Amino acid sequence: MKKYTVVEYEESDFDEVKNGMTNQEATEILDSLPRGWFPYRHPSYDKHVSSSDYDNYRICCALDLAIKALEGEKHG
């Protein structure tokens, strides 16, 4: 015998996430994003960087800034 659980989301579920997410929850989500798209947190610059390295670096920096802002930390 197989049993299945079906979850049906309603608009109110999405509204609850949008209006009720805490900074801590958002920080945890951003900080735990799989780095499969970005194989490193902050790529190092060297003579052999590609445009994807540059794009990944910008994404990683943006994520770090968002996390710091949500945590209330100052950045320089």
C-alpha atoms as a PDB file:
ATOM      1  CA  MET A   1       0.000   0.000   0.000  1.00  0.00           C
ATOM      2  CA  LYS A   2       1.160   3.494  -0.783  1.00  0.00           C
ATOM      3  CA  LYS A   3      -0.011   6.597   0.989  1.00  0.00           C
ATOM      4  CA  TYR A   4       0.401  10.080  -0.376  1.00  0.00           C
ATOM      5  CA  THR A   5       0.108  13.424   1.297  1.00  0.00           C
ATOM      6  CA  VAL A   6      -1.101  16.249  -0.849  1.00  0.00           C
ATOM      7  CA  VAL A   7      -0.429  19.817   0.196  1.00  0.00           C
ATOM      8  CA  GLU A   8      -2.493  22.479  -1.483  1.00  0.00           C
ATOM      9  CA  TYR A   9      -1.324  26.023  -0.915  1.00  0.00           C
ATOM     10  CA  GLU A  10      -3.754  28.886  -0.892  1.00  0.00           C
ATOM     11  CA  GLU A  11      -3.143  32.547  -1.533  1.00  0.00           C
ATOM     12  CA  SER A  12      -3.283  33.171   2.215  1.00  0.00           C
ATOM     13  CA  ASP A  13      -0.266  30.871   2.664  1.00  0.00           C
ATOM     14  CA  PHE A  14       1.746  33.050   0.290  1.00  0.00           C
ATOM     15  CA  ASP A  15       0.474  36.210   1.978  1.00  0.00           C
ATOM     16  CA  GLU A  16       1.563  34.809   5.331  1.00  0.00           C
ATOM     17  CA  VAL A  17       5.084  34.246   4.036  1.00  0.00           C
ATOM     18  CA  LYS A  18       5.236  37.692   2.452  1.00  0.00           C
ATOM     19  CA  ASN A  19       3.884  39.540   5.466  1.00  0.00           C
ATOM     20  CA  GLY A  20       5.117  37.352   8.299  1.00  0.00           C
ATOM     21  CA  MET A  21       8.704  36.425   7.430  1.00  0.00           C
ATOM     22  CA  THR A  22      11.140  37.534  10.100  1.00  0.00           C
ATOM     23  CA  ASN A  23      14.604  38.885   9.407  1.00  0.00           C
ATOM     24  CA  GLN A  24      16.041  35.799  11.081  1.00  0.00           C
ATOM     25  CA  GLU A  25      14.091  33.471   8.788  1.00  0.00           C
ATOM     26  CA  ALA A  26      15.103  35.459   5.703  1.00  0.00           C
ATOM     27  CA  THR A  27      18.734  35.428   6.841  1.00  0.00           C
ATOM     28  CA  GLU A  28      18.665  31.661   7.316  1.00  0.00           C
ATOM     29  CA  ILE A  29      17.133  31.144   3.864  1.00  0.00           C
ATOM     30  CA  LEU A  30      19.650  33.397   2.116  1.00  0.00           C
ATOM     31  CA  ASP A  31      22.608  31.999   4.029  1.00  0.00           C
ATOM     32  CA  SER A  32      21.619  28.415   3.245  1.00  0.00           C
ATOM     33  CA  LEU A  33      21.133  28.859  -0.489  1.00  0.00           C
ATOM     34  CA  PRO A  34      22.829  26.010  -2.268  1.00  0.00           C
ATOM     35  CA  ARG A  35      26.103  27.157  -3.683  1.00  0.00           C
ATOM     36  CA  GLY A  36      25.722  24.888  -6.700  1.00  0.00           C
ATOM     37  CA  TRP A  37      25.162  27.949  -8.829  1.00  0.00           C
ATOM     38  CA  PHE A  38      28.086  29.642  -7.152  1.00  0.00           C
ATOM     39  CA  PRO A  39      30.798  27.047  -6.548  1.00  0.00           C
ATOM     40  CA  TYR A  40      32.491  29.354  -4.073  1.00  0.00           C
ATOM     41  CA  ARG A  41      31.312  32.063  -1.731  1.00  0.00           C
ATOM     42  CA  HIS A  42      33.595  34.747  -3.051  1.00  0.00           C
ATOM     43  CA  PRO A  43      35.646  33.904  -6.105  1.00  0.00           C
ATOM     44  CA  SER A  44      39.173  35.202  -6.018  1.00  0.00           C
ATOM     45  CA  TYR A  45      40.408  37.521  -8.710  1.00  0.00           C
ATOM     46  CA  ASP A  46      43.216  36.282 -10.874  1.00  0.00           C
ATOM     47  CA  LYS A  47      44.248  36.588 -14.505  1.00  0.00           C
ATOM     48  CA  HIS A  48      41.894  33.803 -15.572  1.00  0.00           C
ATOM     49  CA  VAL A  49      38.521  35.033 -14.359  1.00  0.00           C
ATOM     50  CA  SER A  50      35.525  34.719 -16.629  1.00  0.00           C
ATOM     51  CA  SER A  51      32.361  36.744 -16.911  1.00  0.00           C
ATOM     52  CA  SER A  52      30.565  34.038 -14.910  1.00  0.00           C
ATOM     53  CA  ASP A  53      33.163  34.437 -12.127  1.00  0.00           C
ATOM     54  CA  TYR A  54      32.406  38.142 -12.087  1.00  0.00           C
ATOM     55  CA  ASP A  55      28.642  37.549 -12.070  1.00  0.00           C
ATOM     56  CA  ASN A  56      28.973  34.956  -9.300  1.00  0.00           C
ATOM     57  CA  TYR A  57      31.073  37.383  -7.269  1.00  0.00           C
ATOM     58  CA  ARG A  58      28.409  40.083  -7.606  1.00  0.00           C
ATOM     59  CA  ILE A  59      25.677  37.630  -6.553  1.00  0.00           C
ATOM     60  CA  CYS A  60      27.689  36.450  -3.533  1.00  0.00           C
ATOM     61  CA  CYS A  61      28.393  40.034  -2.461  1.00  0.00           C
ATOM     62  CA  ALA A  62      24.715  40.959  -2.852  1.00  0.00           C
ATOM     63  CA  LEU A  63      23.680  37.971  -0.738  1.00  0.00           C
ATOM     64  CA  ASP A  64      26.201  38.883   1.960  1.00  0.00           C
ATOM     65  CA  LEU A  65      24.985  42.492   2.011  1.00  0.00           C
ATOM     66  CA  ALA A  66      21.374  41.345   2.295  1.00  0.00           C
ATOM     67  CA  ILE A  67      22.241  38.959   5.131  1.00  0.00           C
ATOM     68  CA  LYS A  68      24.183  41.665   6.996  1.00  0.00           C
ATOM     69  CA  ALA A  69      21.346  44.150   6.525  1.00  0.00           C
ATOM     70  CA  LEU A  70      18.825  41.669   7.868  1.00  0.00           C
ATOM     71  CA  GLU A  71      21.074  40.921  10.825  1.00  0.00           C
ATOM     72  CA  GLY A  72      21.457  44.649  11.485  1.00  0.00           C
ATOM     73  CA  GLU A  73      25.213  44.630  10.962  1.00  0.00           C
ATOM     74  CA  LYS A  74      27.090  47.550   9.512  1.00  0.00           C
ATOM     75  CA  HIS A  75      29.073  46.981   6.340  1.00  0.00           C
ATOM     76  CA  GLY A  76      31.864  49.018   4.958  1.00  0.00           C
END
